[in-house]
Structure formats: structure tokens, C-alpha cells
Amino acid sequence: MMMMMMMMVVVLRVACNYKDNIDFTSFRVVNIRLEAAAVAVVVLVLILVVVVVVVEVVVVVVVVVVVVVVVVVVVVMG
């Protein structure tokens, strides 16, 4: 959750800087900024995907451990 908040802040900050710095007189600079923004978005999406995958793996591991512990406890008690 904290990572999501941090990423949102970074995205908003980059978006604000990008909006303020657009110079329509020099199209090359705009192109460079657009490419930089695209790269930033791709990197953020990749980070988000990695975070989601890690969280899912952790959740699956926790669920498996809990199920195994419950089964062992039931078998031992039974």
C-alpha cells in the first residue's frame, strides 16, 4: 500500500513537471520529454507488476502454510 502511494506521488510529480516544462517552440525537446515520460510509465508499470506478483506469491505461501498447519493440527488432535 505504501509503495502504491509513493508511486502515485512520483507519477503525479513527474506529470506536473512534464506539463510545466513542455516547450512547443522546440519540438525535439517535447519529443525527448515524451520519450522520457513513456519510459517512466513503462518502468512504473513493470515495478507495479513485480510488486503484484511478489504480493501474490507471498499470499499463496501464507495460505499454503496455514492450510498445512491446520491439517497437521487436525491430524495430531484426531
PDB file of N, CA and C in Angstrom:
ATOM      1  N   MET A   1       0.845  -1.203   0.000  1.00  0.00           N
ATOM      2  CA  MET A   1       0.000   0.000   0.000  1.00  0.00           C
ATOM      3  C   MET A   1       0.878   1.250   0.000  1.00  0.00           C
ATOM      4  N   MET A   2       1.924   1.226   0.842  1.00  0.00           N
ATOM      5  CA  MET A   2       2.833   2.378   0.923  1.00  0.00           C
ATOM      6  C   MET A   2       3.530   2.590  -0.416  1.00  0.00           C
ATOM      7  N   MET A   3       3.946   1.466  -1.049  1.00  0.00           N
ATOM      8  CA  MET A   3       4.619   1.553  -2.346  1.00  0.00           C
ATOM      9  C   MET A   3       3.692   2.187  -3.379  1.00  0.00           C
ATOM     10  N   MET A   4       2.411   1.794  -3.352  1.00  0.00           N
ATOM     11  CA  MET A   4       1.439   2.345  -4.297  1.00  0.00           C
ATOM     12  C   MET A   4       1.331   3.853  -4.106  1.00  0.00           C
ATOM     13  N   MET A   5       1.253   4.295  -2.831  1.00  0.00           N
ATOM     14  CA  MET A   5       1.142   5.726  -2.536  1.00  0.00           C
ATOM     15  C   MET A   5       2.375   6.458  -3.054  1.00  0.00           C
ATOM     16  N   MET A   6       3.568   5.876  -2.781  1.00  0.00           N
ATOM     17  CA  MET A   6       4.815   6.510  -3.215  1.00  0.00           C
ATOM     18  C   MET A   6       4.837   6.630  -4.735  1.00  0.00           C
ATOM     19  N   MET A   7       4.419   5.545  -5.428  1.00  0.00           N
ATOM     20  CA  MET A   7       4.440   5.558  -6.894  1.00  0.00           C
ATOM     21  C   MET A   7       3.476   6.599  -7.443  1.00  0.00           C
ATOM     22  N   MET A   8       2.291   6.706  -6.791  1.00  0.00           N
ATOM     23  CA  MET A   8       1.322   7.714  -7.235  1.00  0.00           C
ATOM     24  C   MET A   8       1.915   9.111  -7.094  1.00  0.00           C
ATOM     25  N   VAL A   9       2.596   9.365  -5.962  1.00  0.00           N
ATOM     26  CA  VAL A   9       3.219  10.675  -5.739  1.00  0.00           C
ATOM     27  C   VAL A   9       4.256  10.947  -6.817  1.00  0.00           C
ATOM     28  N   VAL A  10       5.089   9.932  -7.105  1.00  0.00           N
ATOM     29  CA  VAL A  10       6.129  10.099  -8.133  1.00  0.00           C
ATOM     30  C   VAL A  10       5.492  10.387  -9.484  1.00  0.00           C
ATOM     31  N   VAL A  11       4.459   9.619  -9.842  1.00  0.00           N
ATOM     32  CA  VAL A  11       3.788   9.809 -11.135  1.00  0.00           C
ATOM     33  C   VAL A  11       3.202  11.206 -11.223  1.00  0.00           C
ATOM     34  N   LEU A  12       2.538  11.640 -10.149  1.00  0.00           N
ATOM     35  CA  LEU A  12       1.934  12.981 -10.155  1.00  0.00           C
ATOM     36  C   LEU A  12       3.004  14.048 -10.294  1.00  0.00           C
ATOM     37  N   ARG A  13       4.109  13.868  -9.569  1.00  0.00           N
ATOM     38  CA  ARG A  13       5.194  14.856  -9.622  1.00  0.00           C
ATOM     39  C   ARG A  13       5.780  14.927 -11.035  1.00  0.00           C
ATOM     40  N   VAL A  14       6.039  13.753 -11.627  1.00  0.00           N
ATOM     41  CA  VAL A  14       6.576  13.706 -12.996  1.00  0.00           C
ATOM     42  C   VAL A  14       5.587  14.357 -13.960  1.00  0.00           C
ATOM     43  N   ALA A  15       4.299  14.044 -13.791  1.00  0.00           N
ATOM     44  CA  ALA A  15       3.274  14.601 -14.684  1.00  0.00           C
ATOM     45  C   ALA A  15       3.235  16.127 -14.565  1.00  0.00           C
ATOM     46  N   CYS A  16       3.302  16.651 -13.346  1.00  0.00           N
ATOM     47  CA  CYS A  16       3.274  18.106 -13.140  1.00  0.00           C
ATOM     48  C   CYS A  16       4.509  18.754 -13.768  1.00  0.00           C
ATOM     49  N   ASN A  17       5.687  18.179 -13.522  1.00  0.00           N
ATOM     50  CA  ASN A  17       6.914  18.724 -14.113  1.00  0.00           C
ATOM     51  C   ASN A  17       6.819  18.701 -15.629  1.00  0.00           C
ATOM     52  N   TYR A  18       6.330  17.597 -16.149  1.00  0.00           N
ATOM     53  CA  TYR A  18       6.230  17.416 -17.599  1.00  0.00           C
ATOM     54  C   TYR A  18       5.301  18.477 -18.192  1.00  0.00           C
ATOM     55  N   LYS A  19       4.154  18.697 -17.540  1.00  0.00           N
ATOM     56  CA  LYS A  19       3.168  19.667 -18.037  1.00  0.00           C
ATOM     57  C   LYS A  19       3.761  21.078 -18.039  1.00  0.00           C
ATOM     58  N   ASP A  20       4.489  21.412 -16.969  1.00  0.00           N
ATOM     59  CA  ASP A  20       5.055  22.767 -16.846  1.00  0.00           C
ATOM     60  C   ASP A  20       6.208  22.997 -17.823  1.00  0.00           C
ATOM     61  N   ASN A  21       6.925  21.923 -18.176  1.00  0.00           N
ATOM     62  CA  ASN A  21       8.164  22.088 -18.950  1.00  0.00           C
ATOM     63  C   ASN A  21       7.984  21.926 -20.454  1.00  0.00           C
ATOM     64  N   ILE A  22       6.760  21.664 -20.912  1.00  0.00           N
ATOM     65  CA  ILE A  22       6.574  21.482 -22.359  1.00  0.00           C
ATOM     66  C   ILE A  22       6.866  22.804 -23.067  1.00  0.00           C
ATOM     67  N   ASP A  23       7.712  22.710 -24.071  1.00  0.00           N
ATOM     68  CA  ASP A  23       8.063  23.886 -24.868  1.00  0.00           C
ATOM     69  C   ASP A  23       7.674  23.590 -26.310  1.00  0.00           C
ATOM     70  N   PHE A  24       6.575  24.193 -26.754  1.00  0.00           N
ATOM     71  CA  PHE A  24       6.058  23.867 -28.083  1.00  0.00           C
ATOM     72  C   PHE A  24       6.907  24.470 -29.200  1.00  0.00           C
ATOM     73  N   THR A  25       7.808  25.410 -28.842  1.00  0.00           N
ATOM     74  CA  THR A  25       8.647  26.020 -29.876  1.00  0.00           C
ATOM     75  C   THR A  25       9.719  25.043 -30.344  1.00  0.00           C
ATOM     76  N   SER A  26      10.225  24.215 -29.438  1.00  0.00           N
ATOM     77  CA  SER A  26      11.244  23.232 -29.839  1.00  0.00           C
ATOM     78  C   SER A  26      10.639  21.837 -29.717  1.00  0.00           C
ATOM     79  N   PHE A  27      10.238  21.315 -30.862  1.00  0.00           N
ATOM     80  CA  PHE A  27       9.511  20.043 -30.882  1.00  0.00           C
ATOM     81  C   PHE A  27      10.402  18.889 -30.435  1.00  0.00           C
ATOM     82  N   ARG A  28      11.728  19.031 -30.654  1.00  0.00           N
ATOM     83  CA  ARG A  28      12.643  17.950 -30.287  1.00  0.00           C
ATOM     84  C   ARG A  28      12.636  17.736 -28.777  1.00  0.00           C
ATOM     85  N   VAL A  29      12.644  18.841 -28.034  1.00  0.00           N
ATOM     86  CA  VAL A  29      12.611  18.745 -26.564  1.00  0.00           C
ATOM     87  C   VAL A  29      11.329  18.054 -26.121  1.00  0.00           C
ATOM     88  N   VAL A  30      10.216  18.432 -26.769  1.00  0.00           N
ATOM     89  CA  VAL A  30       8.930  17.802 -26.434  1.00  0.00           C
ATOM     90  C   VAL A  30       9.011  16.302 -26.698  1.00  0.00           C
ATOM     91  N   ASN A  31       9.617  15.935 -27.853  1.00  0.00           N
ATOM     92  CA  ASN A  31       9.760  14.515 -28.181  1.00  0.00           C
ATOM     93  C   ASN A  31      10.581  13.788 -27.123  1.00  0.00           C
ATOM     94  N   ILE A  32      11.697  14.411 -26.718  1.00  0.00           N
ATOM     95  CA  ILE A  32      12.557  13.801 -25.696  1.00  0.00           C
ATOM     96  C   ILE A  32      11.769  13.632 -24.398  1.00  0.00           C
ATOM     97  N   ARG A  33      11.007  14.660 -24.045  1.00  0.00           N
ATOM     98  CA  ARG A  33      10.210  14.589 -22.810  1.00  0.00           C
ATOM     99  C   ARG A  33       9.147  13.495 -22.924  1.00  0.00           C
ATOM    100  N   LEU A  34       8.526  13.405 -24.118  1.00  0.00           N
ATOM    101  CA  LEU A  34       7.513  12.363 -24.325  1.00  0.00           C
ATOM    102  C   LEU A  34       8.134  10.979 -24.167  1.00  0.00           C
ATOM    103  N   GLU A  35       9.328  10.801 -24.763  1.00  0.00           N
ATOM    104  CA  GLU A  35      10.013   9.508 -24.636  1.00  0.00           C
ATOM    105  C   GLU A  35      10.347   9.228 -23.178  1.00  0.00           C
ATOM    106  N   ALA A  36      10.831  10.247 -22.472  1.00  0.00           N
ATOM    107  CA  ALA A  36      11.166  10.078 -21.052  1.00  0.00           C
ATOM    108  C   ALA A  36       9.919   9.706 -20.261  1.00  0.00           C
ATOM    109  N   ALA A  37       8.805  10.369 -20.560  1.00  0.00           N
ATOM    110  CA  ALA A  37       7.549  10.067 -19.863  1.00  0.00           C
ATOM    111  C   ALA A  37       7.107   8.636 -20.165  1.00  0.00           C
ATOM    112  N   ALA A  38       7.244   8.224 -21.440  1.00  0.00           N
ATOM    113  CA  ALA A  38       6.855   6.862 -21.823  1.00  0.00           C
ATOM    114  C   ALA A  38       7.713   5.834 -21.092  1.00  0.00           C
ATOM    115  N   VAL A  39       9.026   6.096 -21.037  1.00  0.00           N
ATOM    116  CA  VAL A  39       9.942   5.188 -20.323  1.00  0.00           C
ATOM    117  C   VAL A  39       9.565   5.129 -18.850  1.00  0.00           C
ATOM    118  N   ALA A  40       9.275   6.296 -18.254  1.00  0.00           N
ATOM    119  CA  ALA A  40       8.899   6.342 -16.836  1.00  0.00           C
ATOM    120  C   ALA A  40       7.632   5.526 -16.596  1.00  0.00           C
ATOM    121  N   VAL A  41       6.651   5.665 -17.495  1.00  0.00           N
ATOM    122  CA  VAL A  41       5.394   4.916 -17.346  1.00  0.00           C
ATOM    123  C   VAL A  41       5.656   3.417 -17.449  1.00  0.00           C
ATOM    124  N   VAL A  42       6.473   3.016 -18.434  1.00  0.00           N
ATOM    125  CA  VAL A  42       6.781   1.589 -18.612  1.00  0.00           C
ATOM    126  C   VAL A  42       7.473   1.039 -17.369  1.00  0.00           C
ATOM    127  N   VAL A  43       8.453   1.797 -16.850  1.00  0.00           N
ATOM    128  CA  VAL A  43       9.182   1.357 -15.652  1.00  0.00           C
ATOM    129  C   VAL A  43       8.224   1.229 -14.476  1.00  0.00           C
ATOM    130  N   LEU A  44       7.337   2.209 -14.304  1.00  0.00           N
ATOM    131  CA  LEU A  44       6.375   2.158 -13.196  1.00  0.00           C
ATOM    132  C   LEU A  44       5.445   0.956 -13.337  1.00  0.00           C
ATOM    133  N   VAL A  45       5.005   0.672 -14.575  1.00  0.00           N
ATOM    134  CA  VAL A  45       4.129  -0.484 -14.803  1.00  0.00           C
ATOM    135  C   VAL A  45       4.863  -1.774 -14.464  1.00  0.00           C
ATOM    136  N   LEU A  46       6.137  -1.869 -14.891  1.00  0.00           N
ATOM    137  CA  LEU A  46       6.933  -3.063 -14.577  1.00  0.00           C
ATOM    138  C   LEU A  46       7.085  -3.232 -13.069  1.00  0.00           C
ATOM    139  N   ILE A  47       7.387  -2.119 -12.371  1.00  0.00           N
ATOM    140  CA  ILE A  47       7.521  -2.170 -10.909  1.00  0.00           C
ATOM    141  C   ILE A  47       6.214  -2.643 -10.289  1.00  0.00           C
ATOM    142  N   LEU A  48       5.096  -2.098 -10.785  1.00  0.00           N
ATOM    143  CA  LEU A  48       3.776  -2.468 -10.263  1.00  0.00           C
ATOM    144  C   LEU A  48       3.515  -3.957 -10.469  1.00  0.00           C
ATOM    145  N   VAL A  49       3.849  -4.467 -11.671  1.00  0.00           N
ATOM    146  CA  VAL A  49       3.650  -5.893 -11.972  1.00  0.00           C
ATOM    147  C   VAL A  49       4.486  -6.746 -11.027  1.00  0.00           C
ATOM    148  N   VAL A  50       5.755  -6.362 -10.831  1.00  0.00           N
ATOM    149  CA  VAL A  50       6.640  -7.120  -9.931  1.00  0.00           C
ATOM    150  C   VAL A  50       6.072  -7.118  -8.518  1.00  0.00           C
ATOM    151  N   VAL A  51       5.622  -5.947  -8.048  1.00  0.00           N
ATOM    152  CA  VAL A  51       5.057  -5.848  -6.692  1.00  0.00           C
ATOM    153  C   VAL A  51       3.832  -6.742  -6.567  1.00  0.00           C
ATOM    154  N   VAL A  52       2.944  -6.706  -7.572  1.00  0.00           N
ATOM    155  CA  VAL A  52       1.725  -7.529  -7.536  1.00  0.00           C
ATOM    156  C   VAL A  52       2.083  -9.008  -7.508  1.00  0.00           C
ATOM    157  N   VAL A  53       3.042  -9.417  -8.349  1.00  0.00           N
ATOM    158  CA  VAL A  53       3.452 -10.831  -8.394  1.00  0.00           C
ATOM    159  C   VAL A  53       4.031 -11.253  -7.051  1.00  0.00           C
ATOM    160  N   VAL A  54       4.903 -10.414  -6.480  1.00  0.00           N
ATOM    161  CA  VAL A  54       5.515 -10.738  -5.182  1.00  0.00           C
ATOM    162  C   VAL A  54       4.438 -10.867  -4.112  1.00  0.00           C
ATOM    163  N   VAL A  55       3.493  -9.921  -4.092  1.00  0.00           N
ATOM    164  CA  VAL A  55       2.411  -9.968  -3.098  1.00  0.00           C
ATOM    165  C   VAL A  55       1.589 -11.239  -3.277  1.00  0.00           C
ATOM    166  N   GLU A  56       1.283 -11.586  -4.533  1.00  0.00           N
ATOM    167  CA  GLU A  56       0.504 -12.803  -4.778  1.00  0.00           C
ATOM    168  C   GLU A  56       1.258 -14.042  -4.308  1.00  0.00           C
ATOM    169  N   VAL A  57       2.550 -14.104  -4.597  1.00  0.00           N
ATOM    170  CA  VAL A  57       3.365 -15.251  -4.166  1.00  0.00           C
ATOM    171  C   VAL A  57       3.363 -15.346  -2.643  1.00  0.00           C
ATOM    172  N   VAL A  58       3.552 -14.211  -1.973  1.00  0.00           N
ATOM    173  CA  VAL A  58       3.564 -14.197  -0.503  1.00  0.00           C
ATOM    174  C   VAL A  58       2.217 -14.674   0.034  1.00  0.00           C
ATOM    175  N   VAL A  59       1.119 -14.188  -0.552  1.00  0.00           N
ATOM    176  CA  VAL A  59      -0.221 -14.593  -0.104  1.00  0.00           C
ATOM    177  C   VAL A  59      -0.409 -16.091  -0.293  1.00  0.00           C
ATOM    178  N   VAL A  60       0.003 -16.618  -1.459  1.00  0.00           N
ATOM    179  CA  VAL A  60      -0.137 -18.059  -1.729  1.00  0.00           C
ATOM    180  C   VAL A  60       0.670 -18.865  -0.719  1.00  0.00           C
ATOM    181  N   VAL A  61       1.911 -18.439  -0.451  1.00  0.00           N
ATOM    182  CA  VAL A  61       2.766 -19.147   0.513  1.00  0.00           C
ATOM    183  C   VAL A  61       2.118 -19.136   1.892  1.00  0.00           C
ATOM    184  N   VAL A  62       1.615 -17.978   2.309  1.00  0.00           N
ATOM    185  CA  VAL A  62       0.972 -17.870   3.628  1.00  0.00           C
ATOM    186  C   VAL A  62      -0.240 -18.792   3.699  1.00  0.00           C
ATOM    187  N   VAL A  63      -1.066 -18.803   2.650  1.00  0.00           N
ATOM    188  CA  VAL A  63      -2.260 -19.657   2.634  1.00  0.00           C
ATOM    189  C   VAL A  63      -1.857 -21.126   2.713  1.00  0.00           C
ATOM    190  N   VAL A  64      -0.850 -21.528   1.936  1.00  0.00           N
ATOM    191  CA  VAL A  64      -0.388 -22.923   1.950  1.00  0.00           C
ATOM    192  C   VAL A  64       0.113 -23.296   3.341  1.00  0.00           C
ATOM    193  N   VAL A  65       0.915 -22.427   3.952  1.00  0.00           N
ATOM    194  CA  VAL A  65       1.446 -22.699   5.296  1.00  0.00           C
ATOM    195  C   VAL A  65       0.302 -22.844   6.295  1.00  0.00           C
ATOM    196  N   VAL A  66      -0.674 -21.946   6.237  1.00  0.00           N
ATOM    197  CA  VAL A  66      -1.818 -22.010   7.160  1.00  0.00           C
ATOM    198  C   VAL A  66      -2.584 -23.311   6.963  1.00  0.00           C
ATOM    199  N   VAL A  67      -2.824 -23.700   5.710  1.00  0.00           N
ATOM    200  CA  VAL A  67      -3.556 -24.944   5.427  1.00  0.00           C
ATOM    201  C   VAL A  67      -2.781 -26.143   5.966  1.00  0.00           C
ATOM    202  N   VAL A  68      -1.461 -26.175   5.724  1.00  0.00           N
ATOM    203  CA  VAL A  68      -0.629 -27.288   6.207  1.00  0.00           C
ATOM    204  C   VAL A  68      -0.677 -27.354   7.728  1.00  0.00           C
ATOM    205  N   VAL A  69      -0.545 -26.209   8.393  1.00  0.00           N
ATOM    206  CA  VAL A  69      -0.577 -26.174   9.862  1.00  0.00           C
ATOM    207  C   VAL A  69      -1.922 -26.675  10.371  1.00  0.00           C
ATOM    208  N   VAL A  70      -3.018 -26.231   9.754  1.00  0.00           N
ATOM    209  CA  VAL A  70      -4.357 -26.667  10.175  1.00  0.00           C
ATOM    210  C   VAL A  70      -4.500 -28.172   9.991  1.00  0.00           C
ATOM    211  N   VAL A  71      -4.046 -28.701   8.849  1.00  0.00           N
ATOM    212  CA  VAL A  71      -4.142 -30.143   8.587  1.00  0.00           C
ATOM    213  C   VAL A  71      -3.329 -30.918   9.619  1.00  0.00           C
ATOM    214  N   VAL A  72      -2.106 -30.462   9.900  1.00  0.00           N
ATOM    215  CA  VAL A  72      -1.245 -31.140  10.880  1.00  0.00           C
ATOM    216  C   VAL A  72      -1.904 -31.122  12.255  1.00  0.00           C
ATOM    217  N   VAL A  73      -2.438 -29.971  12.649  1.00  0.00           N
ATOM    218  CA  VAL A  73      -3.092 -29.859  13.964  1.00  0.00           C
ATOM    219  C   VAL A  73      -4.288 -30.799  14.036  1.00  0.00           C
ATOM    220  N   VAL A  74      -5.099 -30.853  12.974  1.00  0.00           N
ATOM    221  CA  VAL A  74      -6.280 -31.729  12.956  1.00  0.00           C
ATOM    222  C   VAL A  74      -5.847 -33.186  13.047  1.00  0.00           C
ATOM    223  N   VAL A  75      -4.801 -33.566  12.289  1.00  0.00           N
ATOM    224  CA  VAL A  75      -4.319 -34.956  12.307  1.00  0.00           C
ATOM    225  C   VAL A  75      -3.785 -35.308  13.688  1.00  0.00           C
ATOM    226  N   VAL A  76      -2.988 -34.407  14.288  1.00  0.00           N
ATOM    227  CA  VAL A  76      -2.396 -34.666  15.604  1.00  0.00           C
ATOM    228  C   VAL A  76      -3.487 -34.751  16.664  1.00  0.00           C
ATOM    229  N   MET A  77      -4.437 -33.840  16.633  1.00  0.00           N
ATOM    230  CA  MET A  77      -5.523 -33.841  17.619  1.00  0.00           C
ATOM    231  C   MET A  77      -6.431 -35.057  17.413  1.00  0.00           C
ATOM    232  N   GLY A  78      -6.657 -35.400  16.146  1.00  0.00           N
ATOM    233  CA  GLY A  78      -7.570 -36.510  15.818  1.00  0.00           C
ATOM    234  C   GLY A  78      -6.909 -37.818  16.132  1.00  0.00           C
TER     235      GLY A  78
END
